[in-house]
Amino acid sequence: MATGSARKGLLVATLSTLVVAALVAYTIGSSPAWPEVQKAFFDGRYFSTSLPAVAEAFTINVQLFILAELLILPIGLLIALARSITTPALAPLRIFATIFVDFFRGVPSILIIYVLGFGVPALQLDGVPKEPFFWALVTLVLIYSAYVSEVYRAGIESIHPSQERAARALGLTRVQALRYVVVPQAMRRVIPPLLNDFIGLQKDTALVSILGVVETFKQAQILKAASFNFTPLMTTALIFLIITIPMTRLVDRLAAKDRNAQLGGTR
């Protein structure tokens, strides 16, 4: 009976979705201005000519994403551990980590990119890099380290205090208890939310186009300006969808797997 009800519910949901999609398509297609919109945003000729250049520029987004992720993971963990410090002598470190997280989570990303990407190179300091790619990487690392540190901290705090107390009872120091007992358990719990943050990071690599980095969005803007057609921007959107949708489904699977494991462990 349960299986039959599930199949019936799935059938109803599928049919209702198809009906709504058909109504939306009909409404848009019957609009008097649709031919002009289609030509401006969904022109097949411009799509085929812009795809190679836009796809090639996407390699810059991938480079930014990979390099940023390799730096964000350890930096975010260090910040989370700093915020978890209870030793009075290390209180300044905890305060600094708190201010760091509050600042970079509170200020809009685009403003940080402007200030660091344009302001610091303008100082003309000796030995300070001026390449847009470098400052694009720095801004993404600073912003997402703040977000990722909170994910780590939530995972660490989700581990029952008895785990650390048991480790301390066996003779481990607090640092050793965190390293060998608490953090490994927390890491397994934070994988799904970490992947969510990295999906956001992948999309936000397009923000650095304002610094002059010719990544996929900047390349689409160049092609749009040359052709007076917005189709290259839609090409960029399609590439991001191709990358992010599988990552989103992976997050869903990992979250469901973790949820089932926790439910199984409580029975």
Protein backbone atom coordinates (compact mmCIF):
# COMPACT_ATOMS: atom_id res chain seq x y z
CA MET A 1 0.00 0.00 0.00
CA ALA A 2 2.81 2.37 0.92
CA THR A 3 4.58 1.68 -2.36
CA GLY A 4 1.37 2.27 -4.33
CA SER A 5 0.73 5.55 -2.52
CA ALA A 6 4.31 6.67 -3.18
CA ARG A 7 3.97 5.88 -6.89
CA LYS A 8 0.66 7.71 -7.07
CA GLY A 9 2.14 10.73 -5.33
CA LEU A 10 5.12 10.72 -7.71
CA LEU A 11 2.80 10.50 -10.72
CA VAL A 12 0.67 13.41 -9.48
CA ALA A 13 3.75 15.50 -8.76
CA THR A 14 5.21 14.78 -12.22
CA LEU A 15 1.97 15.61 -14.03
CA SER A 16 1.44 18.82 -12.07
CA THR A 17 5.02 19.89 -12.78
CA LEU A 18 4.58 19.24 -16.51
CA VAL A 19 1.32 21.19 -16.54
CA VAL A 20 2.87 24.18 -14.77
CA ALA A 21 5.92 24.07 -17.07
CA ALA A 22 3.66 23.93 -20.14
CA LEU A 23 1.63 26.91 -18.89
CA VAL A 24 4.78 28.94 -18.22
CA ALA A 25 6.19 28.09 -21.65
CA TYR A 26 2.91 28.99 -23.35
CA THR A 27 2.64 32.28 -21.46
CA ILE A 28 6.19 33.29 -22.35
CA GLY A 29 5.94 32.07 -25.94
CA SER A 30 2.69 33.91 -26.56
CA SER A 31 4.12 37.21 -25.34
CA PRO A 32 4.29 39.80 -28.16
CA ALA A 33 7.90 40.65 -27.27
CA TRP A 34 9.10 37.03 -27.05
CA PRO A 35 10.72 36.95 -30.53
CA GLU A 36 12.87 39.98 -29.64
CA VAL A 37 13.79 38.51 -26.23
CA GLN A 38 14.63 35.16 -27.80
CA LYS A 39 16.86 36.83 -30.36
CA ALA A 40 18.62 38.92 -27.71
CA PHE A 41 19.17 36.18 -25.10
CA PHE A 42 18.79 32.77 -26.76
CA ASP A 43 20.19 33.12 -30.27
CA GLY A 44 21.54 29.75 -31.40
CA ARG A 45 24.09 31.28 -33.76
CA TYR A 46 25.66 33.42 -31.05
CA PHE A 47 25.54 30.49 -28.63
CA SER A 48 27.57 28.24 -30.92
CA THR A 49 30.14 30.94 -31.67
CA SER A 50 30.56 32.10 -28.07
CA LEU A 51 30.67 28.68 -26.40
CA PRO A 52 34.35 27.85 -27.17
CA ALA A 53 35.68 31.19 -25.89
CA VAL A 54 33.44 31.20 -22.81
CA ALA A 55 34.30 27.57 -22.00
CA GLU A 56 38.03 28.27 -22.39
CA ALA A 57 37.80 31.26 -20.03
CA PHE A 58 36.04 29.02 -17.49
CA THR A 59 39.42 27.39 -16.83
CA ILE A 60 40.36 30.57 -14.94
CA ASN A 61 37.30 30.08 -12.72
CA VAL A 62 38.38 26.50 -12.10
CA GLN A 63 41.91 27.59 -11.19
CA LEU A 64 40.58 30.21 -8.77
CA PHE A 65 38.19 27.69 -7.24
CA ILE A 66 40.80 24.96 -6.71
CA LEU A 67 43.51 27.26 -5.34
CA ALA A 68 41.03 29.05 -3.07
CA GLU A 69 39.60 25.77 -1.76
CA LEU A 70 43.06 24.40 -0.93
CA LEU A 71 43.74 27.50 1.16
CA ILE A 72 40.27 27.93 2.67
CA LEU A 73 40.06 24.43 4.17
CA PRO A 74 43.08 24.75 6.52
CA ILE A 75 42.64 28.48 7.22
CA GLY A 76 38.96 28.02 8.08
CA LEU A 77 39.83 25.16 10.44
CA LEU A 78 42.50 27.25 12.21
CA ILE A 79 40.03 30.11 12.67
CA ALA A 80 37.40 27.72 14.05
CA LEU A 81 39.91 26.26 16.51
CA ALA A 82 40.96 29.77 17.54
CA ARG A 83 37.34 30.66 18.27
CA SER A 84 37.04 27.50 20.38
CA ILE A 85 39.95 28.44 22.65
CA THR A 86 39.00 28.76 26.32
CA THR A 87 42.48 29.45 27.75
CA PRO A 88 42.49 33.00 29.19
CA ALA A 89 46.06 33.63 28.01
CA LEU A 90 44.98 33.06 24.40
CA ALA A 91 41.89 35.26 24.62
CA PRO A 92 43.36 37.85 22.16
CA LEU A 93 43.61 35.12 19.53
CA ARG A 94 39.97 34.19 20.07
CA ILE A 95 38.92 37.84 19.89
CA PHE A 96 40.86 38.36 16.66
CA ALA A 97 39.27 35.27 15.09
CA THR A 98 35.80 36.49 16.12
CA ILE A 99 36.41 39.94 14.62
CA PHE A 100 37.73 38.34 11.42
CA VAL A 101 34.62 36.19 11.01
CA ASP A 102 32.20 39.00 11.84
CA PHE A 103 33.88 41.41 9.43
CA PHE A 104 34.21 39.18 6.38
CA ARG A 105 30.74 37.69 6.83
CA GLY A 106 29.16 41.08 7.41
CA VAL A 107 30.65 43.16 4.58
CA PRO A 108 29.31 42.48 1.05
CA SER A 109 31.78 40.46 -0.99
CA ILE A 110 31.76 42.94 -3.86
CA LEU A 111 33.00 45.71 -1.53
CA ILE A 112 35.87 43.58 -0.23
CA ILE A 113 36.86 42.76 -3.80
CA TYR A 114 36.87 46.45 -4.70
CA VAL A 115 38.87 47.54 -1.64
CA LEU A 116 41.51 44.81 -1.77
CA GLY A 117 41.63 44.40 -5.55
CA PHE A 118 41.97 48.09 -6.35
CA GLY A 119 42.98 49.74 -3.08
CA VAL A 120 45.99 47.66 -2.02
CA PRO A 121 47.74 47.68 -5.45
CA ALA A 122 47.14 51.45 -5.60
CA LEU A 123 49.36 51.86 -2.52
CA GLN A 124 52.38 50.95 -4.69
CA LEU A 125 54.07 49.09 -1.84
CA ASP A 126 57.36 47.38 -2.66
CA GLY A 127 57.06 43.61 -2.83
CA VAL A 128 53.26 43.62 -2.81
CA PRO A 129 51.81 41.83 -5.86
CA LYS A 130 49.62 43.87 -8.18
CA GLU A 131 48.26 41.10 -10.42
CA PRO A 132 44.43 40.99 -10.48
CA PHE A 133 44.43 37.19 -10.27
CA PHE A 134 46.40 37.29 -7.01
CA TRP A 135 44.00 39.73 -5.34
CA ALA A 136 41.00 37.86 -6.71
CA LEU A 137 42.34 34.75 -4.97
CA VAL A 138 43.09 36.64 -1.73
CA THR A 139 39.59 38.13 -1.50
CA LEU A 140 37.86 34.81 -2.11
CA VAL A 141 40.04 33.08 0.49
CA LEU A 142 39.38 35.73 3.14
CA ILE A 143 35.63 35.81 2.54
CA TYR A 144 35.05 32.06 2.42
CA SER A 145 37.48 31.25 5.23
CA ALA A 146 35.11 33.18 7.49
CA TYR A 147 32.10 31.18 6.30
CA VAL A 148 33.87 27.83 6.38
CA SER A 149 35.23 28.47 9.88
CA GLU A 150 31.66 28.73 11.15
CA VAL A 151 30.82 25.41 9.51
CA TYR A 152 33.83 23.82 11.20
CA ARG A 153 32.93 25.41 14.55
CA ALA A 154 29.36 24.12 14.34
CA GLY A 155 30.71 20.64 13.65
CA ILE A 156 33.15 20.81 16.56
CA GLU A 157 30.46 22.01 18.95
CA SER A 158 28.11 19.24 17.79
CA ILE A 159 30.45 16.63 19.27
CA HIS A 160 29.30 15.76 22.78
CA PRO A 161 31.63 17.13 25.49
CA SER A 162 31.95 13.62 26.93
CA GLN A 163 34.12 12.72 23.93
CA GLU A 164 36.75 15.28 24.90
CA ARG A 165 36.46 14.47 28.59
CA ALA A 166 37.06 10.78 27.86
CA ALA A 167 40.12 11.66 25.79
CA ARG A 168 41.45 13.89 28.57
CA ALA A 169 40.87 11.09 31.07
CA LEU A 170 43.11 8.86 28.95
CA GLY A 171 45.93 11.37 29.33
CA LEU A 172 45.55 13.41 26.13
CA THR A 173 46.01 17.15 26.23
CA ARG A 174 43.24 19.43 24.94
CA VAL A 175 45.08 19.92 21.67
CA GLN A 176 45.55 16.17 21.26
CA ALA A 177 41.89 15.56 22.12
CA LEU A 178 40.82 18.02 19.45
CA ARG A 179 43.22 16.57 16.89
CA TYR A 180 42.58 12.87 17.39
CA VAL A 181 39.02 12.69 18.76
CA VAL A 182 36.88 15.79 18.21
CA VAL A 183 37.99 17.17 14.85
CA PRO A 184 37.91 13.82 12.94
CA GLN A 185 34.31 13.25 14.06
CA ALA A 186 33.35 16.83 13.27
CA MET A 187 34.84 16.62 9.78
CA ARG A 188 32.50 13.79 8.83
CA ARG A 189 29.50 15.86 9.91
CA VAL A 190 30.44 19.06 8.09
CA ILE A 191 31.11 17.63 4.64
CA PRO A 192 27.61 18.45 3.24
CA PRO A 193 27.57 22.09 4.46
CA LEU A 194 31.17 22.51 3.31
CA LEU A 195 30.19 21.42 -0.18
CA ASN A 196 27.34 23.94 -0.09
CA ASP A 197 29.85 26.69 0.66
CA PHE A 198 32.07 25.54 -2.18
CA ILE A 199 29.14 25.64 -4.59
CA GLY A 200 28.77 29.28 -3.59
CA LEU A 201 32.52 29.78 -4.03
CA GLN A 202 32.38 28.37 -7.55
CA LYS A 203 29.66 30.86 -8.48
CA ASP A 204 31.38 33.79 -6.77
CA THR A 205 34.50 33.36 -8.89
CA ALA A 206 32.52 35.38 -11.44
CA LEU A 207 32.59 38.40 -9.11
CA VAL A 208 36.31 38.90 -9.66
CA SER A 209 35.62 39.97 -13.24
CA ILE A 210 35.42 43.53 -11.89
CA LEU A 211 39.20 43.38 -11.25
CA GLY A 212 39.87 42.70 -14.91
CA VAL A 213 40.45 38.95 -14.59
CA VAL A 214 39.27 37.49 -17.90
CA GLU A 215 37.32 34.56 -16.53
CA THR A 216 34.15 33.16 -18.08
CA PHE A 217 31.81 36.00 -17.05
CA LYS A 218 34.26 38.69 -18.19
CA GLN A 219 34.72 36.86 -21.48
CA ALA A 220 30.95 36.72 -21.92
CA GLN A 221 30.74 40.46 -21.28
CA ILE A 222 33.40 41.09 -23.92
CA LEU A 223 31.51 38.99 -26.46
CA LYS A 224 28.23 40.67 -25.52
CA ALA A 225 29.75 44.11 -26.05
CA ALA A 226 31.13 43.04 -29.43
CA SER A 227 27.88 41.50 -30.70
CA PHE A 228 25.28 43.60 -28.81
CA ASN A 229 23.66 40.28 -27.89
CA PHE A 230 23.18 38.77 -24.43
CA THR A 231 23.42 35.12 -25.52
CA PRO A 232 27.05 34.75 -24.33
CA LEU A 233 25.85 35.54 -20.80
CA MET A 234 23.30 32.74 -21.08
CA THR A 235 26.13 30.48 -22.24
CA THR A 236 28.01 31.32 -19.06
CA ALA A 237 24.92 30.56 -16.98
CA LEU A 238 24.61 27.16 -18.67
CA ILE A 239 28.25 26.29 -17.90
CA PHE A 240 27.78 27.16 -14.23
CA LEU A 241 24.61 25.06 -14.11
CA ILE A 242 26.42 22.08 -15.63
CA ILE A 243 29.04 22.33 -12.89
CA THR A 244 26.91 23.20 -9.86
CA ILE A 245 23.87 20.95 -10.30
CA PRO A 246 25.86 17.68 -9.96
CA MET A 247 27.59 19.17 -6.90
CA THR A 248 24.19 20.03 -5.43
CA ARG A 249 22.92 16.50 -5.97
CA LEU A 250 26.09 15.16 -4.34
CA VAL A 251 25.43 17.35 -1.31
CA ASP A 252 21.87 15.99 -1.10
CA ARG A 253 23.12 12.40 -1.22
CA LEU A 254 25.79 12.97 1.42
CA ALA A 255 23.32 14.77 3.69
CA ALA A 256 20.79 11.94 3.32
CA LYS A 257 23.49 9.35 3.96
CA ASP A 258 24.65 11.17 7.09
CA ARG A 259 21.07 11.55 8.30
CA ASN A 260 20.36 7.85 7.80
CA ALA A 261 23.57 6.92 9.60
CA GLN A 262 22.64 9.08 12.58
CA LEU A 263 19.12 7.65 12.70
CA GLY A 264 20.54 4.15 12.51
CA GLY A 265 22.93 4.89 15.31
CA THR A 266 20.15 6.08 17.60
CA ARG A 267 18.04 2.99 17.22
